C-alpha atoms as a PDB file:
ATOM      1  CA  MET A   1      -8.429 -14.400   4.014  1.00  0.00           C
ATOM      2  CA  ALA A   2      -5.071 -15.203   2.597  1.00  0.00           C
ATOM      3  CA  ARG A   3      -3.997 -13.505  -0.600  1.00  0.00           C
ATOM      4  CA  LYS A   4      -3.877 -15.367  -3.825  1.00  0.00           C
ATOM      5  CA  TYR A   5      -0.910 -15.282  -6.262  1.00  0.00           C
ATOM      6  CA  SER A   6      -0.477 -17.164  -9.458  1.00  0.00           C
ATOM      7  CA  LYS A   7       2.335 -19.787  -9.865  1.00  0.00           C
ATOM      8  CA  GLY A   8       3.999 -17.532 -12.249  1.00  0.00           C
ATOM      9  CA  ALA A   9       4.020 -14.730  -9.602  1.00  0.00           C
ATOM     10  CA  GLN A  10       5.409 -16.952  -7.015  1.00  0.00           C
ATOM     11  CA  LYS A  11       8.293 -18.235  -9.298  1.00  0.00           C
ATOM     12  CA  GLU A  12       9.001 -14.472 -10.062  1.00  0.00           C
ATOM     13  CA  VAL A  13       9.344 -13.877  -6.277  1.00  0.00           C
ATOM     14  CA  GLN A  14      11.481 -17.127  -6.122  1.00  0.00           C
ATOM     15  CA  LYS A  15      13.998 -15.721  -8.759  1.00  0.00           C
ATOM     16  CA  GLU A  16      14.293 -12.367  -7.163  1.00  0.00           C
ATOM     17  CA  MET A  17      14.922 -13.821  -3.583  1.00  0.00           C
ATOM     18  CA  ARG A  18      17.577 -15.907  -5.168  1.00  0.00           C
ATOM     19  CA  ARG A  19      19.152 -12.685  -6.707  1.00  0.00           C
ATOM     20  CA  PHE A  20      18.734 -11.031  -3.262  1.00  0.00           C
ATOM     21  CA  LYS A  21      20.470 -13.697  -1.449  1.00  0.00           C
ATOM     22  CA  LYS A  22      23.386 -13.665  -4.072  1.00  0.00           C
ATOM     23  CA  GLY A  23      23.662  -9.947  -3.697  1.00  0.00           C
ATOM     24  CA  THR A  24      22.734  -9.245  -7.456  1.00  0.00           C
ATOM     25  CA  ALA A  25      19.256  -7.744  -7.051  1.00  0.00           C
ATOM     26  CA  THR A  26      18.926  -4.371  -8.132  1.00  0.00           C
ATOM     27  CA  SER A  27      16.082  -1.690  -8.624  1.00  0.00           C
ATOM     28  CA  GLY A  28      15.139   1.385 -10.419  1.00  0.00           C
ATOM     29  CA  LYS A  29      16.877   3.045 -13.456  1.00  0.00           C
ATOM     30  CA  LYS A  30      19.996   3.586 -11.452  1.00  0.00           C
ATOM     31  CA  LYS A  31      20.163  -0.044 -10.612  1.00  0.00           C
ATOM     32  CA  THR A  32      20.727   0.525  -6.865  1.00  0.00           C
ATOM     33  CA  LYS A  33      21.142  -2.612  -4.727  1.00  0.00           C
ATOM     34  CA  VAL A  34      18.263  -4.069  -2.877  1.00  0.00           C
ATOM     35  CA  LYS A  35      18.721  -3.928   0.787  1.00  0.00           C
ATOM     36  CA  SER A  36      15.801  -5.781   2.411  1.00  0.00           C
ATOM     37  CA  ARG A  37      13.889  -8.860   1.888  1.00  0.00           C
ATOM     38  CA  GLU A  38      10.490  -6.932   1.658  1.00  0.00           C
ATOM     39  CA  GLN A  39      11.997  -4.623  -0.949  1.00  0.00           C
ATOM     40  CA  ALA A  40      13.052  -7.715  -3.095  1.00  0.00           C
ATOM     41  CA  ILE A  41       9.656  -9.096  -2.826  1.00  0.00           C
ATOM     42  CA  ALA A  42       7.808  -5.863  -3.931  1.00  0.00           C
ATOM     43  CA  ILE A  43      10.103  -5.668  -6.989  1.00  0.00           C
ATOM     44  CA  ALA A  44       9.250  -9.414  -7.932  1.00  0.00           C
ATOM     45  CA  LEU A  45       5.364  -8.551  -7.373  1.00  0.00           C
ATOM     46  CA  SER A  46       5.740  -5.519  -9.446  1.00  0.00           C
ATOM     47  CA  LYS A  47       7.484  -7.352 -12.251  1.00  0.00           C
ATOM     48  CA  ALA A  48       4.789 -10.002 -12.302  1.00  0.00           C
ATOM     49  CA  ARG A  49       2.109  -7.454 -12.457  1.00  0.00           C
ATOM     50  CA  LYS A  50       3.713  -6.106 -15.535  1.00  0.00           C
ATOM     51  CA  LYS A  51       3.821  -9.500 -17.096  1.00  0.00           C
ATOM     52  CA  GLY A  52       0.093  -9.810 -16.556  1.00  0.00           C
ATOM     53  CA  MET A  53       0.268 -12.448 -13.836  1.00  0.00           C
ATOM     54  CA  LYS A  54      -2.427 -12.610 -11.032  1.00  0.00           C
ATOM     55  CA  ALA A  55      -1.113 -10.715  -8.095  1.00  0.00           C
ATOM     56  CA  PRO A  56      -2.902  -8.621  -5.603  1.00  0.00           C
ATOM     57  CA  LYS A  57      -2.887  -4.895  -6.399  1.00  0.00           C
ATOM     58  CA  LYS A  58      -0.506  -2.568  -4.276  1.00  0.00           C
ATOM     59  CA  THR A  59      -2.139  -1.427  -1.049  1.00  0.00           C
ATOM     60  CA  THR A  60      -2.525   2.260  -0.735  1.00  0.00           C
ATOM     61  CA  LYS A  61      -2.898   4.393   2.518  1.00  0.00           C
ATOM     62  CA  LYS A  62      -6.461   5.683   2.597  1.00  0.00           C
ATOM     63  CA  SER A  63      -6.902   9.277   3.845  1.00  0.00           C
ATOM     64  CA  ARG A  64      -9.085   9.779   6.884  1.00  0.00           C
END
């Protein structure tokens, strides 16, 4: 089953991808440069969650 994201979360990812492609995307308190596409998407979804938009919860590794 496909994951469902709100329109707002999708726009947040779009904005972050633009920043990543320009080379201006940063993360963390030290404002380190984002190096991968996956990292940029994770940052955007995190921002969307903080704003209260509908985005799936982070997946966690389950212990065996």
